[in-house]
Amino acid sequence: MADRDLRPATREEVEQSLSFALRFNGRKRIHRADLYMADLTAEHLAKHLDDAGYVVMKRPSALGHGSNPREQD
């Protein structure tokens, strides 16, 4: 995959990824942490990354389980 295929990830995508990482290891739940707390923490981290000037890049989604075909543009 070439760098030209990358696009900046939205803050919502970063928050969702961070929240998932806080709750799971792979697909296995690692903590019984509250979903709400994981979402708040992810939102805080994503805001900090944005404020610090980080740009998180994302590859196009592959079609499959959980992917949105509209994101394939």
Protein backbone atom coordinates (compact mmCIF):
# COMPACT_ATOMS: atom_id res chain seq x y z
CA MET A 1 0.00 0.00 0.00
CA ALA A 2 1.36 3.37 -1.02
CA ASP A 3 1.38 6.45 1.17
CA ARG A 4 -1.01 8.12 -1.27
CA ASP A 5 -3.70 5.65 -0.15
CA LEU A 6 -3.55 7.02 3.38
CA ARG A 7 -5.92 9.70 4.61
CA PRO A 8 -6.12 11.52 7.91
CA ALA A 9 -8.26 9.61 10.39
CA THR A 10 -11.18 11.53 11.83
CA ARG A 11 -11.22 12.26 15.53
CA GLU A 12 -14.21 9.90 15.86
CA GLU A 13 -12.21 7.06 14.26
CA VAL A 14 -9.30 7.69 16.62
CA GLU A 15 -11.67 7.76 19.62
CA GLN A 16 -13.32 4.49 18.57
CA SER A 17 -9.95 2.79 18.12
CA LEU A 18 -8.62 4.02 21.45
CA SER A 19 -11.80 3.04 23.26
CA PHE A 20 -11.65 -0.45 21.75
CA ALA A 21 -7.97 -0.77 22.72
CA LEU A 22 -8.80 0.20 26.30
CA ARG A 23 -11.43 -2.54 26.55
CA PHE A 24 -10.03 -5.43 24.49
CA ASN A 25 -6.86 -7.36 23.64
CA GLY A 26 -7.60 -8.52 20.14
CA ARG A 27 -11.21 -9.62 20.41
CA LYS A 28 -10.97 -10.75 24.01
CA ARG A 29 -12.15 -8.41 26.76
CA ILE A 30 -9.22 -7.76 29.08
CA HIS A 31 -10.98 -5.71 31.75
CA ARG A 32 -14.48 -5.37 33.06
CA ALA A 33 -14.04 -1.61 32.72
CA ASP A 34 -17.13 0.39 32.06
CA LEU A 35 -17.74 1.23 28.40
CA TYR A 36 -18.52 4.81 29.39
CA MET A 37 -15.14 5.25 31.11
CA ALA A 38 -13.27 3.80 28.13
CA ASP A 39 -15.10 6.19 25.79
CA LEU A 40 -14.34 9.20 28.01
CA THR A 41 -10.67 8.26 28.21
CA ALA A 42 -10.46 7.73 24.44
CA GLU A 43 -12.11 11.11 23.82
CA HIS A 44 -9.60 12.80 26.15
CA LEU A 45 -6.62 11.08 24.48
CA ALA A 46 -7.84 11.89 20.95
CA LYS A 47 -8.30 15.55 21.89
CA HIS A 48 -4.81 15.67 23.37
CA LEU A 49 -3.30 14.13 20.22
CA ASP A 50 -5.17 16.66 18.07
CA ASP A 51 -4.15 19.60 20.27
CA ALA A 52 -0.53 18.42 20.19
CA GLY A 53 -0.54 18.47 16.39
CA TYR A 54 -0.53 14.75 15.70
CA VAL A 55 -2.05 13.51 12.47
CA VAL A 56 -3.17 9.89 12.60
CA MET A 57 -3.35 8.32 9.13
CA LYS A 58 -5.72 5.56 8.12
CA ARG A 59 -5.66 3.06 5.29
CA PRO A 60 -8.82 2.52 3.25
CA SER A 61 -11.10 -0.02 4.90
CA ALA A 62 -11.15 -3.48 3.37
CA LEU A 63 -14.61 -4.80 2.59
CA GLY A 64 -15.62 -7.32 5.18
CA HIS A 65 -17.20 -7.63 8.57
CA GLY A 66 -17.79 -4.28 10.16
CA SER A 67 -16.59 -2.20 7.25
CA ASN A 68 -18.59 0.61 5.71
CA PRO A 69 -18.71 0.39 1.87
CA ARG A 70 -19.25 4.16 1.68
CA GLU A 71 -15.73 4.68 3.08
CA GLN A 72 -14.23 3.02 -0.01
CA ASP A 73 -14.16 6.26 -2.05
